[in-house]
PDB file of all heavy atoms in Angstrom:
ATOM      1  N   THR A   1     -27.931   2.033 -66.506  1.00  0.00           N
ATOM      2  CA  THR A   1     -29.055   2.580 -67.215  1.00  0.00           C
ATOM      3  C   THR A   1     -30.151   3.091 -66.255  1.00  0.00           C
ATOM      4  O   THR A   1     -31.321   3.259 -66.638  1.00  0.00           O
ATOM      5  CB  THR A   1     -29.721   1.519 -68.150  1.00  0.00           C
ATOM      6  OG1 THR A   1     -30.004   0.402 -67.330  1.00  0.00           O
ATOM      7  CG2 THR A   1     -28.658   1.084 -69.130  1.00  0.00           C
ATOM      8  N   GLY A   2     -29.774   3.418 -65.011  1.00  0.00           N
ATOM      9  CA  GLY A   2     -30.698   3.783 -63.946  1.00  0.00           C
ATOM     10  C   GLY A   2     -31.386   5.073 -64.244  1.00  0.00           C
ATOM     11  O   GLY A   2     -32.585   5.363 -63.687  1.00  0.00           O
ATOM     12  N   ARG A   3     -30.833   6.026 -65.027  1.00  0.00           N
ATOM     13  CA  ARG A   3     -31.401   7.276 -65.342  1.00  0.00           C
ATOM     14  C   ARG A   3     -32.223   7.349 -66.617  1.00  0.00           C
ATOM     15  O   ARG A   3     -32.834   8.300 -66.964  1.00  0.00           O
ATOM     16  CB  ARG A   3     -30.306   8.327 -65.327  1.00  0.00           C
ATOM     17  CG  ARG A   3     -29.709   8.457 -63.912  1.00  0.00           C
ATOM     18  CD  ARG A   3     -28.813   9.705 -63.873  1.00  0.00           C
ATOM     19  NE  ARG A   3     -28.120   9.766 -62.600  1.00  0.00           N
ATOM     20  CZ  ARG A   3     -28.684  10.158 -61.382  1.00  0.00           C
ATOM     21  NH1 ARG A   3     -29.889  10.622 -61.442  1.00  0.00           N
ATOM     22  NH2 ARG A   3     -27.976  10.171 -60.250  1.00  0.00           N
ATOM     23  N   ARG A   4     -32.195   6.230 -67.318  1.00  0.00           N
ATOM     24  CA  ARG A   4     -32.943   6.220 -68.602  1.00  0.00           C
ATOM     25  C   ARG A   4     -34.413   5.835 -68.329  1.00  0.00           C
ATOM     26  O   ARG A   4     -34.826   5.197 -67.464  1.00  0.00           O
ATOM     27  CB  ARG A   4     -32.406   4.979 -69.451  1.00  0.00           C
ATOM     28  CG  ARG A   4     -31.252   5.447 -70.357  1.00  0.00           C
ATOM     29  CD  ARG A   4     -30.677   4.261 -71.190  1.00  0.00           C
ATOM     30  NE  ARG A   4     -31.741   3.590 -71.960  1.00  0.00           N
ATOM     31  CZ  ARG A   4     -31.533   2.418 -72.610  1.00  0.00           C
ATOM     32  NH1 ARG A   4     -30.296   1.908 -72.605  1.00  0.00           N
ATOM     33  NH2 ARG A   4     -32.454   1.860 -73.224  1.00  0.00           N
ATOM     34  N   GLU A   5     -35.269   6.472 -69.240  1.00  0.00           N
ATOM     35  CA  GLU A   5     -36.686   6.258 -69.121  1.00  0.00           C
ATOM     36  C   GLU A   5     -36.993   4.823 -69.430  1.00  0.00           C
ATOM     37  O   GLU A   5     -36.451   4.214 -70.418  1.00  0.00           O
ATOM     38  CB  GLU A   5     -37.380   7.190 -70.002  1.00  0.00           C
ATOM     39  CG  GLU A   5     -37.390   8.618 -69.568  1.00  0.00           C
ATOM     40  CD  GLU A   5     -38.176   9.532 -70.533  1.00  0.00           C
ATOM     41  OE1 GLU A   5     -38.710   9.050 -71.590  1.00  0.00           O
ATOM     42  OE2 GLU A   5     -38.355  10.664 -70.059  1.00  0.00           O
ATOM     43  N   VAL A   6     -37.916   4.165 -68.750  1.00  0.00           N
ATOM     44  CA  VAL A   6     -38.120   2.715 -68.915  1.00  0.00           C
ATOM     45  C   VAL A   6     -38.766   2.402 -70.268  1.00  0.00           C
ATOM     46  O   VAL A   6     -38.569   1.305 -70.857  1.00  0.00           O
ATOM     47  CB  VAL A   6     -39.068   2.226 -67.673  1.00  0.00           C
ATOM     48  CG1 VAL A   6     -39.615   0.852 -67.968  1.00  0.00           C
ATOM     49  CG2 VAL A   6     -38.235   2.261 -66.381  1.00  0.00           C
ATOM     50  N   GLU A   7     -39.496   3.410 -70.844  1.00  0.00           N
ATOM     51  CA  GLU A   7     -40.015   3.115 -72.131  1.00  0.00           C
ATOM     52  C   GLU A   7     -39.050   2.917 -73.222  1.00  0.00           C
ATOM     53  O   GLU A   7     -39.304   2.354 -74.277  1.00  0.00           O
ATOM     54  CB  GLU A   7     -40.978   4.194 -72.523  1.00  0.00           C
ATOM     55  CG  GLU A   7     -40.280   5.617 -72.657  1.00  0.00           C
ATOM     56  CD  GLU A   7     -41.290   6.712 -72.854  1.00  0.00           C
ATOM     57  OE1 GLU A   7     -42.575   6.415 -72.734  1.00  0.00           O
ATOM     58  OE2 GLU A   7     -40.884   7.853 -73.134  1.00  0.00           O
ATOM     59  N   THR A   8     -37.719   3.283 -72.945  1.00  0.00           N
ATOM     60  CA  THR A   8     -36.661   2.903 -73.886  1.00  0.00           C
ATOM     61  C   THR A   8     -36.046   1.591 -73.695  1.00  0.00           C
ATOM     62  O   THR A   8     -35.120   1.191 -74.458  1.00  0.00           O
ATOM     63  CB  THR A   8     -35.564   4.043 -73.756  1.00  0.00           C
ATOM     64  OG1 THR A   8     -34.908   3.944 -72.546  1.00  0.00           O
ATOM     65  CG2 THR A   8     -36.200   5.424 -73.884  1.00  0.00           C
ATOM     66  N   PHE A   9     -36.473   0.879 -72.600  1.00  0.00           N
ATOM     67  CA  PHE A   9     -35.860  -0.415 -72.263  1.00  0.00           C
ATOM     68  C   PHE A   9     -36.397  -1.529 -73.162  1.00  0.00           C
ATOM     69  O   PHE A   9     -37.522  -1.457 -73.584  1.00  0.00           O
ATOM     70  CB  PHE A   9     -36.122  -0.851 -70.809  1.00  0.00           C
ATOM     71  CG  PHE A   9     -35.306  -0.078 -69.755  1.00  0.00           C
ATOM     72  CD1 PHE A   9     -34.529   1.025 -70.051  1.00  0.00           C
ATOM     73  CD2 PHE A   9     -35.212  -0.526 -68.496  1.00  0.00           C
ATOM     74  CE1 PHE A   9     -33.754   1.652 -69.181  1.00  0.00           C
ATOM     75  CE2 PHE A   9     -34.520   0.108 -67.459  1.00  0.00           C
ATOM     76  CZ  PHE A   9     -33.737   1.182 -67.832  1.00  0.00           C
ATOM     77  N   SER A  10     -35.620  -2.504 -73.424  1.00  0.00           N
ATOM     78  CA  SER A  10     -36.035  -3.777 -74.034  1.00  0.00           C
ATOM     79  C   SER A  10     -36.990  -4.480 -72.992  1.00  0.00           C
ATOM     80  O   SER A  10     -37.014  -4.232 -71.852  1.00  0.00           O
ATOM     81  CB  SER A  10     -34.887  -4.652 -74.366  1.00  0.00           C
ATOM     82  OG  SER A  10     -34.268  -5.124 -73.268  1.00  0.00           O
ATOM     83  N   ARG A  11     -37.697  -5.531 -73.559  1.00  0.00           N
ATOM     84  CA  ARG A  11     -38.546  -6.335 -72.616  1.00  0.00           C
ATOM     85  C   ARG A  11     -37.789  -6.978 -71.549  1.00  0.00           C
ATOM     86  O   ARG A  11     -38.146  -7.028 -70.446  1.00  0.00           O
ATOM     87  CB  ARG A  11     -39.385  -7.336 -73.504  1.00  0.00           C
ATOM     88  CG  ARG A  11     -40.046  -8.387 -72.687  1.00  0.00           C
ATOM     89  CD  ARG A  11     -41.100  -7.848 -71.804  1.00  0.00           C
ATOM     90  NE  ARG A  11     -41.725  -8.848 -70.994  1.00  0.00           N
ATOM     91  CZ  ARG A  11     -42.572  -8.560 -70.033  1.00  0.00           C
ATOM     92  NH1 ARG A  11     -42.955  -7.453 -69.738  1.00  0.00           N
ATOM     93  NH2 ARG A  11     -43.112  -9.691 -69.328  1.00  0.00           N
ATOM     94  N   GLY A  12     -36.635  -7.586 -72.000  1.00  0.00           N
ATOM     95  CA  GLY A  12     -35.736  -8.128 -71.028  1.00  0.00           C
ATOM     96  C   GLY A  12     -35.292  -7.256 -69.877  1.00  0.00           C
ATOM     97  O   GLY A  12     -35.260  -7.522 -68.689  1.00  0.00           O
ATOM     98  N   MET A  13     -34.823  -6.037 -70.301  1.00  0.00           N
ATOM     99  CA  MET A  13     -34.496  -5.055 -69.257  1.00  0.00           C
ATOM    100  C   MET A  13     -35.597  -4.677 -68.326  1.00  0.00           C
ATOM    101  O   MET A  13     -35.408  -4.445 -67.072  1.00  0.00           O
ATOM    102  CB  MET A  13     -33.861  -3.738 -69.935  1.00  0.00           C
ATOM    103  CG  MET A  13     -32.686  -4.016 -70.765  1.00  0.00           C
ATOM    104  SD  MET A  13     -32.126  -2.553 -71.747  1.00  0.00           S
ATOM    105  CE  MET A  13     -31.703  -1.371 -70.536  1.00  0.00           C
ATOM    106  N   GLN A  14     -36.845  -4.433 -68.888  1.00  0.00           N
ATOM    107  CA  GLN A  14     -37.988  -4.191 -68.031  1.00  0.00           C
ATOM    108  C   GLN A  14     -38.282  -5.321 -67.011  1.00  0.00           C
ATOM    109  O   GLN A  14     -38.603  -5.090 -65.922  1.00  0.00           O
ATOM    110  CB  GLN A  14     -39.222  -3.951 -68.921  1.00  0.00           C
ATOM    111  CG  GLN A  14     -39.110  -2.635 -69.640  1.00  0.00           C
ATOM    112  CD  GLN A  14     -40.456  -2.283 -70.495  1.00  0.00           C
ATOM    113  OE1 GLN A  14     -41.422  -2.827 -70.161  1.00  0.00           O
ATOM    114  NE2 GLN A  14     -40.280  -1.512 -71.493  1.00  0.00           N
ATOM    115  N   GLN A  15     -37.998  -6.570 -67.513  1.00  0.00           N
ATOM    116  CA  GLN A  15     -38.217  -7.802 -66.711  1.00  0.00           C
ATOM    117  C   GLN A  15     -37.205  -7.722 -65.475  1.00  0.00           C
ATOM    118  O   GLN A  15     -37.579  -7.984 -64.379  1.00  0.00           O
ATOM    119  CB  GLN A  15     -38.100  -9.064 -67.522  1.00  0.00           C
ATOM    120  CG  GLN A  15     -38.447 -10.296 -66.726  1.00  0.00           C
ATOM    121  CD  GLN A  15     -40.082 -10.452 -66.718  1.00  0.00           C
ATOM    122  OE1 GLN A  15     -40.791  -9.528 -66.951  1.00  0.00           O
ATOM    123  NE2 GLN A  15     -40.429 -11.563 -66.255  1.00  0.00           N
ATOM    124  N   ARG A  16     -35.980  -7.342 -65.866  1.00  0.00           N
ATOM    125  CA  ARG A  16     -35.060  -7.310 -64.739  1.00  0.00           C
ATOM    126  C   ARG A  16     -35.353  -6.198 -63.762  1.00  0.00           C
ATOM    127  O   ARG A  16     -35.155  -6.328 -62.528  1.00  0.00           O
ATOM    128  CB  ARG A  16     -33.631  -7.126 -65.229  1.00  0.00           C
ATOM    129  CG  ARG A  16     -33.076  -8.418 -65.917  1.00  0.00           C
ATOM    130  CD  ARG A  16     -31.593  -8.238 -66.211  1.00  0.00           C
ATOM    131  NE  ARG A  16     -31.471  -7.700 -67.585  1.00  0.00           N
ATOM    132  CZ  ARG A  16     -30.310  -7.198 -68.003  1.00  0.00           C
ATOM    133  NH1 ARG A  16     -29.295  -7.054 -67.207  1.00  0.00           N
ATOM    134  NH2 ARG A  16     -30.253  -6.742 -69.201  1.00  0.00           N
ATOM    135  N   LEU A  17     -35.834  -5.075 -64.260  1.00  0.00           N
ATOM    136  CA  LEU A  17     -36.173  -3.947 -63.404  1.00  0.00           C
ATOM    137  C   LEU A  17     -37.376  -4.326 -62.437  1.00  0.00           C
ATOM    138  O   LEU A  17     -37.479  -3.998 -61.366  1.00  0.00           O
ATOM    139  CB  LEU A  17     -36.466  -2.703 -64.194  1.00  0.00           C
ATOM    140  CG  LEU A  17     -36.856  -1.406 -63.384  1.00  0.00           C
ATOM    141  CD1 LEU A  17     -35.751  -1.030 -62.407  1.00  0.00           C
ATOM    142  CD2 LEU A  17     -37.140  -0.256 -64.330  1.00  0.00           C
ATOM    143  N   ALA A  18     -38.360  -5.028 -63.012  1.00  0.00           N
ATOM    144  CA  ALA A  18     -39.397  -5.512 -62.305  1.00  0.00           C
ATOM    145  C   ALA A  18     -39.075  -6.439 -61.161  1.00  0.00           C
ATOM    146  O   ALA A  18     -39.694  -6.327 -60.139  1.00  0.00           O
ATOM    147  CB  ALA A  18     -40.454  -6.247 -63.250  1.00  0.00           C
ATOM    148  N   LEU A  19     -38.064  -7.258 -61.389  1.00  0.00           N
ATOM    149  CA  LEU A  19     -37.506  -8.088 -60.333  1.00  0.00           C
ATOM    150  C   LEU A  19     -36.908  -7.252 -59.259  1.00  0.00           C
ATOM    151  O   LEU A  19     -37.118  -7.391 -58.027  1.00  0.00           O
ATOM    152  CB  LEU A  19     -36.410  -9.023 -60.855  1.00  0.00           C
ATOM    153  CG  LEU A  19     -35.795  -9.917 -59.830  1.00  0.00           C
ATOM    154  CD1 LEU A  19     -36.793 -10.862 -59.146  1.00  0.00           C
ATOM    155  CD2 LEU A  19     -34.671 -10.771 -60.484  1.00  0.00           C
ATOM    156  N   ALA A  20     -36.180  -6.182 -59.575  1.00  0.00           N
ATOM    157  CA  ALA A  20     -35.562  -5.210 -58.651  1.00  0.00           C
ATOM    158  C   ALA A  20     -36.765  -4.643 -57.820  1.00  0.00           C
ATOM    159  O   ALA A  20     -36.692  -4.424 -56.519  1.00  0.00           O
ATOM    160  CB  ALA A  20     -34.829  -4.144 -59.308  1.00  0.00           C
ATOM    161  N   ARG A  21     -37.863  -4.254 -58.491  1.00  0.00           N
ATOM    162  CA  ARG A  21     -38.965  -3.695 -57.760  1.00  0.00           C
ATOM    163  C   ARG A  21     -39.567  -4.645 -56.757  1.00  0.00           C
ATOM    164  O   ARG A  21     -39.937  -4.219 -55.590  1.00  0.00           O
ATOM    165  CB  ARG A  21     -40.154  -3.390 -58.788  1.00  0.00           C
ATOM    166  CG  ARG A  21     -41.474  -2.920 -58.127  1.00  0.00           C
ATOM    167  CD  ARG A  21     -42.520  -2.707 -59.212  1.00  0.00           C
ATOM    168  NE  ARG A  21     -42.810  -3.876 -59.936  1.00  0.00           N
ATOM    169  CZ  ARG A  21     -43.569  -4.968 -59.417  1.00  0.00           C
ATOM    170  NH1 ARG A  21     -44.071  -4.904 -58.242  1.00  0.00           N
ATOM    171  NH2 ARG A  21     -43.769  -5.991 -60.214  1.00  0.00           N
ATOM    172  N   VAL A  22     -39.711  -5.948 -57.152  1.00  0.00           N
ATOM    173  CA  VAL A  22     -40.211  -6.978 -56.282  1.00  0.00           C
ATOM    174  C   VAL A  22     -39.293  -7.108 -55.005  1.00  0.00           C
ATOM    175  O   VAL A  22     -39.793  -7.345 -53.872  1.00  0.00           O
ATOM    176  CB  VAL A  22     -40.311  -8.294 -56.954  1.00  0.00           C
ATOM    177  CG1 VAL A  22     -40.577  -9.456 -56.062  1.00  0.00           C
ATOM    178  CG2 VAL A  22     -41.436  -8.198 -58.057  1.00  0.00           C
ATOM    179  N   LEU A  23     -37.978  -6.948 -55.205  1.00  0.00           N
ATOM    180  CA  LEU A  23     -37.079  -7.208 -54.147  1.00  0.00           C
ATOM    181  C   LEU A  23     -36.928  -5.956 -53.153  1.00  0.00           C
ATOM    182  O   LEU A  23     -36.303  -6.098 -52.142  1.00  0.00           O
ATOM    183  CB  LEU A  23     -35.631  -7.513 -54.727  1.00  0.00           C
ATOM    184  CG  LEU A  23     -35.526  -8.885 -55.424  1.00  0.00           C
ATOM    185  CD1 LEU A  23     -34.252  -9.037 -56.082  1.00  0.00           C
ATOM    186  CD2 LEU A  23     -35.947 -10.110 -54.570  1.00  0.00           C
ATOM    187  N   LEU A  24     -37.436  -4.758 -53.615  1.00  0.00           N
ATOM    188  CA  LEU A  24     -37.291  -3.659 -52.788  1.00  0.00           C
ATOM    189  C   LEU A  24     -37.633  -3.925 -51.282  1.00  0.00           C
ATOM    190  O   LEU A  24     -36.819  -3.502 -50.401  1.00  0.00           O
ATOM    191  CB  LEU A  24     -38.145  -2.508 -53.309  1.00  0.00           C
ATOM    192  CG  LEU A  24     -37.544  -1.529 -54.293  1.00  0.00           C
ATOM    193  CD1 LEU A  24     -38.554  -0.634 -54.914  1.00  0.00           C
ATOM    194  CD2 LEU A  24     -36.460  -0.626 -53.658  1.00  0.00           C
ATOM    195  N   PRO A  25     -38.765  -4.420 -50.948  1.00  0.00           N
ATOM    196  CA  PRO A  25     -39.098  -4.584 -49.515  1.00  0.00           C
ATOM    197  C   PRO A  25     -38.430  -5.818 -48.816  1.00  0.00           C
ATOM    198  O   PRO A  25     -38.747  -6.118 -47.677  1.00  0.00           O
ATOM    199  CB  PRO A  25     -40.665  -4.697 -49.514  1.00  0.00           C
ATOM    200  CG  PRO A  25     -40.854  -5.332 -50.772  1.00  0.00           C
ATOM    201  CD  PRO A  25     -39.877  -4.812 -51.794  1.00  0.00           C
ATOM    202  N   ASP A  26     -37.488  -6.397 -49.463  1.00  0.00           N
ATOM    203  CA  ASP A  26     -36.729  -7.542 -48.893  1.00  0.00           C
ATOM    204  C   ASP A  26     -37.664  -8.662 -48.484  1.00  0.00           C
ATOM    205  O   ASP A  26     -37.625  -9.093 -47.313  1.00  0.00           O
ATOM    206  CB  ASP A  26     -35.906  -6.981 -47.770  1.00  0.00           C
ATOM    207  CG  ASP A  26     -34.750  -7.920 -47.360  1.00  0.00           C
ATOM    208  OD1 ASP A  26     -34.352  -8.726 -48.309  1.00  0.00           O
ATOM    209  OD2 ASP A  26     -34.292  -7.905 -46.253  1.00  0.00           O
ATOM    210  N   PRO A  27     -38.437  -9.257 -49.444  1.00  0.00           N
ATOM    211  CA  PRO A  27     -39.396 -10.341 -49.074  1.00  0.00           C
ATOM    212  C   PRO A  27     -38.679 -11.642 -48.767  1.00  0.00           C
ATOM    213  O   PRO A  27     -37.645 -11.918 -49.226  1.00  0.00           O
ATOM    214  CB  PRO A  27     -40.284 -10.444 -50.327  1.00  0.00           C
ATOM    215  CG  PRO A  27     -39.270 -10.037 -51.425  1.00  0.00           C
ATOM    216  CD  PRO A  27     -38.441  -8.881 -50.883  1.00  0.00           C
ATOM    217  N   GLU A  28     -39.208 -12.393 -47.888  1.00  0.00           N
ATOM    218  CA  GLU A  28     -38.649 -13.656 -47.475  1.00  0.00           C
ATOM    219  C   GLU A  28     -39.203 -14.839 -48.332  1.00  0.00           C
ATOM    220  O   GLU A  28     -38.669 -15.918 -48.357  1.00  0.00           O
ATOM    221  CB  GLU A  28     -38.889 -14.068 -46.048  1.00  0.00           C
ATOM    222  CG  GLU A  28     -40.311 -14.127 -45.626  1.00  0.00           C
ATOM    223  CD  GLU A  28     -40.406 -14.313 -44.008  1.00  0.00           C
ATOM    224  OE1 GLU A  28     -40.155 -15.408 -43.621  1.00  0.00           O
ATOM    225  OE2 GLU A  28     -40.762 -13.298 -43.427  1.00  0.00           O
ATOM    226  N   LEU A  29     -40.284 -14.545 -49.046  1.00  0.00           N
ATOM    227  CA  LEU A  29     -40.908 -15.507 -49.940  1.00  0.00           C
ATOM    228  C   LEU A  29     -41.095 -14.856 -51.316  1.00  0.00           C
ATOM    229  O   LEU A  29     -41.624 -13.730 -51.465  1.00  0.00           O
ATOM    230  CB  LEU A  29     -42.292 -15.964 -49.433  1.00  0.00           C
ATOM    231  CG  LEU A  29     -43.181 -16.854 -50.237  1.00  0.00           C
ATOM    232  CD1 LEU A  29     -42.509 -18.204 -50.428  1.00  0.00           C
ATOM    233  CD2 LEU A  29     -44.529 -17.046 -49.552  1.00  0.00           C
ATOM    234  N   LEU A  30     -40.655 -15.536 -52.378  1.00  0.00           N
ATOM    235  CA  LEU A  30     -40.733 -14.984 -53.790  1.00  0.00           C
ATOM    236  C   LEU A  30     -41.516 -16.043 -54.620  1.00  0.00           C
ATOM    237  O   LEU A  30     -41.230 -17.220 -54.640  1.00  0.00           O
ATOM    238  CB  LEU A  30     -39.299 -14.834 -54.285  1.00  0.00           C
ATOM    239  CG  LEU A  30     -38.522 -13.686 -53.747  1.00  0.00           C
ATOM    240  CD1 LEU A  30     -37.033 -13.892 -54.208  1.00  0.00           C
ATOM    241  CD2 LEU A  30     -39.070 -12.374 -54.255  1.00  0.00           C
ATOM    242  N   ILE A  31     -42.513 -15.433 -55.333  1.00  0.00           N
ATOM    243  CA  ILE A  31     -43.275 -16.230 -56.241  1.00  0.00           C
ATOM    244  C   ILE A  31     -43.044 -15.537 -57.566  1.00  0.00           C
ATOM    245  O   ILE A  31     -43.549 -14.442 -57.733  1.00  0.00           O
ATOM    246  CB  ILE A  31     -44.824 -16.223 -55.851  1.00  0.00           C
ATOM    247  CG1 ILE A  31     -45.049 -16.673 -54.374  1.00  0.00           C
ATOM    248  CG2 ILE A  31     -45.624 -17.077 -56.834  1.00  0.00           C
ATOM    249  CD1 ILE A  31     -44.630 -18.180 -54.164  1.00  0.00           C
ATOM    250  N   LEU A  32     -42.481 -16.245 -58.462  1.00  0.00           N
ATOM    251  CA  LEU A  32     -42.084 -15.616 -59.760  1.00  0.00           C
ATOM    252  C   LEU A  32     -42.777 -16.379 -60.984  1.00  0.00           C
ATOM    253  O   LEU A  32     -42.523 -17.609 -61.148  1.00  0.00           O
ATOM    254  CB  LEU A  32     -40.505 -15.762 -59.906  1.00  0.00           C
ATOM    255  CG  LEU A  32     -39.712 -15.185 -58.755  1.00  0.00           C
ATOM    256  CD1 LEU A  32     -38.237 -15.446 -59.050  1.00  0.00           C
ATOM    257  CD2 LEU A  32     -39.963 -13.704 -58.540  1.00  0.00           C
ATOM    258  N   ASP A  33     -43.571 -15.667 -61.695  1.00  0.00           N
ATOM    259  CA  ASP A  33     -44.297 -16.262 -62.824  1.00  0.00           C
ATOM    260  C   ASP A  33     -43.735 -15.853 -64.077  1.00  0.00           C
ATOM    261  O   ASP A  33     -43.807 -14.735 -64.579  1.00  0.00           O
ATOM    262  CB  ASP A  33     -45.747 -15.753 -62.734  1.00  0.00           C
ATOM    263  CG  ASP A  33     -46.712 -16.565 -63.601  1.00  0.00           C
ATOM    264  OD1 ASP A  33     -46.188 -17.545 -64.311  1.00  0.00           O
ATOM    265  OD2 ASP A  33     -48.021 -16.208 -63.601  1.00  0.00           O
ATOM    266  N   GLU A  34     -43.063 -16.790 -64.717  1.00  0.00           N
ATOM    267  CA  GLU A  34     -42.332 -16.650 -65.976  1.00  0.00           C
ATOM    268  C   GLU A  34     -41.222 -15.580 -65.946  1.00  0.00           C
ATOM    269  O   GLU A  34     -41.303 -14.643 -66.787  1.00  0.00           O
ATOM    270  CB  GLU A  34     -43.283 -16.470 -67.146  1.00  0.00           C
ATOM    271  CG  GLU A  34     -44.262 -17.613 -67.359  1.00  0.00           C
ATOM    272  CD  GLU A  34     -43.561 -18.857 -67.931  1.00  0.00           C
ATOM    273  OE1 GLU A  34     -42.449 -18.776 -68.271  1.00  0.00           O
ATOM    274  OE2 GLU A  34     -44.248 -19.891 -68.013  1.00  0.00           O
ATOM    275  N   PRO A  35     -40.308 -15.500 -65.050  1.00  0.00           N
ATOM    276  CA  PRO A  35     -39.380 -14.436 -64.913  1.00  0.00           C
ATOM    277  C   PRO A  35     -38.375 -14.365 -66.041  1.00  0.00           C
ATOM    278  O   PRO A  35     -37.798 -13.273 -66.245  1.00  0.00           O
ATOM    279  CB  PRO A  35     -38.717 -14.732 -63.541  1.00  0.00           C
ATOM    280  CG  PRO A  35     -38.793 -16.175 -63.374  1.00  0.00           C
ATOM    281  CD  PRO A  35     -40.094 -16.469 -63.992  1.00  0.00           C
ATOM    282  N   TYR A  36     -38.142 -15.470 -66.795  1.00  0.00           N
ATOM    283  CA  TYR A  36     -37.159 -15.454 -67.897  1.00  0.00           C
ATOM    284  C   TYR A  36     -37.778 -14.925 -69.147  1.00  0.00           C
ATOM    285  O   TYR A  36     -37.011 -14.924 -70.166  1.00  0.00           O
ATOM    286  CB  TYR A  36     -36.599 -16.891 -68.036  1.00  0.00           C
ATOM    287  CG  TYR A  36     -35.729 -17.344 -66.963  1.00  0.00           C
ATOM    288  CD1 TYR A  36     -36.107 -17.957 -65.839  1.00  0.00           C
ATOM    289  CD2 TYR A  36     -34.332 -17.042 -67.114  1.00  0.00           C
ATOM    290  CE1 TYR A  36     -35.283 -18.318 -64.828  1.00  0.00           C
ATOM    291  CE2 TYR A  36     -33.416 -17.454 -66.053  1.00  0.00           C
ATOM    292  CZ  TYR A  36     -33.916 -18.103 -64.890  1.00  0.00           C
ATOM    293  OH  TYR A  36     -33.103 -18.425 -63.918  1.00  0.00           O
ATOM    294  N   THR A  37     -39.090 -14.576 -69.143  1.00  0.00           N
ATOM    295  CA  THR A  37     -39.709 -14.078 -70.442  1.00  0.00           C
ATOM    296  C   THR A  37     -38.989 -12.860 -71.014  1.00  0.00           C
ATOM    297  O   THR A  37     -38.823 -11.916 -70.228  1.00  0.00           O
ATOM    298  CB  THR A  37     -41.126 -13.779 -70.214  1.00  0.00           C
ATOM    299  OG1 THR A  37     -41.882 -14.949 -69.804  1.00  0.00           O
ATOM    300  CG2 THR A  37     -41.764 -13.232 -71.441  1.00  0.00           C
ATOM    301  N   GLY A  38     -38.534 -12.946 -72.266  1.00  0.00           N
ATOM    302  CA  GLY A  38     -37.921 -11.813 -72.857  1.00  0.00           C
ATOM    303  C   GLY A  38     -36.492 -11.572 -72.569  1.00  0.00           C
ATOM    304  O   GLY A  38     -35.948 -10.574 -73.106  1.00  0.00           O
ATOM    305  N   LEU A  39     -35.857 -12.421 -71.767  1.00  0.00           N
ATOM    306  CA  LEU A  39     -34.475 -12.159 -71.405  1.00  0.00           C
ATOM    307  C   LEU A  39     -33.542 -12.792 -72.425  1.00  0.00           C
ATOM    308  O   LEU A  39     -33.797 -13.922 -72.898  1.00  0.00           O
ATOM    309  CB  LEU A  39     -34.223 -12.874 -70.047  1.00  0.00           C
ATOM    310  CG  LEU A  39     -34.896 -12.302 -68.812  1.00  0.00           C
ATOM    311  CD1 LEU A  39     -34.419 -13.006 -67.557  1.00  0.00           C
ATOM    312  CD2 LEU A  39     -34.669 -10.800 -68.689  1.00  0.00           C
ATOM    313  N   ASP A  40     -32.436 -12.167 -72.841  1.00  0.00           N
ATOM    314  CA  ASP A  40     -31.437 -12.706 -73.649  1.00  0.00           C
ATOM    315  C   ASP A  40     -30.564 -13.572 -72.787  1.00  0.00           C
ATOM    316  O   ASP A  40     -30.746 -13.651 -71.592  1.00  0.00           O
ATOM    317  CB  ASP A  40     -30.668 -11.596 -74.404  1.00  0.00           C
ATOM    318  CG  ASP A  40     -29.970 -10.539 -73.418  1.00  0.00           C
ATOM    319  OD1 ASP A  40     -29.796 -10.890 -72.255  1.00  0.00           O
ATOM    320  OD2 ASP A  40     -29.698  -9.485 -73.899  1.00  0.00           O
ATOM    321  N   PRO A  41     -29.575 -14.289 -73.452  1.00  0.00           N
ATOM    322  CA  PRO A  41     -28.705 -15.141 -72.594  1.00  0.00           C
ATOM    323  C   PRO A  41     -27.999 -14.389 -71.478  1.00  0.00           C
ATOM    324  O   PRO A  41     -27.930 -15.007 -70.307  1.00  0.00           O
ATOM    325  CB  PRO A  41     -27.636 -15.659 -73.681  1.00  0.00           C
ATOM    326  CG  PRO A  41     -28.453 -15.683 -74.926  1.00  0.00           C
ATOM    327  CD  PRO A  41     -29.396 -14.405 -74.840  1.00  0.00           C
ATOM    328  N   GLU A  42     -27.617 -13.165 -71.676  1.00  0.00           N
ATOM    329  CA  GLU A  42     -26.884 -12.450 -70.661  1.00  0.00           C
ATOM    330  C   GLU A  42     -27.840 -12.170 -69.517  1.00  0.00           C
ATOM    331  O   GLU A  42     -27.638 -12.341 -68.343  1.00  0.00           O
ATOM    332  CB  GLU A  42     -26.317 -11.106 -71.144  1.00  0.00           C
ATOM    333  CG  GLU A  42     -25.623 -10.321 -70.024  1.00  0.00           C
ATOM    334  CD  GLU A  42     -25.072  -9.000 -70.602  1.00  0.00           C
ATOM    335  OE1 GLU A  42     -25.281  -8.790 -71.847  1.00  0.00           O
ATOM    336  OE2 GLU A  42     -24.530  -8.171 -69.874  1.00  0.00           O
ATOM    337  N   GLY A  43     -29.096 -11.762 -69.865  1.00  0.00           N
ATOM    338  CA  GLY A  43     -30.138 -11.495 -68.870  1.00  0.00           C
ATOM    339  C   GLY A  43     -30.528 -12.723 -68.082  1.00  0.00           C
ATOM    340  O   GLY A  43     -30.732 -12.665 -66.904  1.00  0.00           O
TER     341      GLY A  43
END
C-alpha cells in the first residue's frame, strides 16, 4: 500500500506508518506512547 494516499488508510495502518517514520533515522532509543492504539489483531 506504499503508493496509496495516507488519508485512505485506517487508523491502524496510519499507526504502523508512523512507526516506520520513527524508525527512519535508525534510533537507538525508542519511546512509544500507546503504539497499539487502533491496531487490529493482525496489526
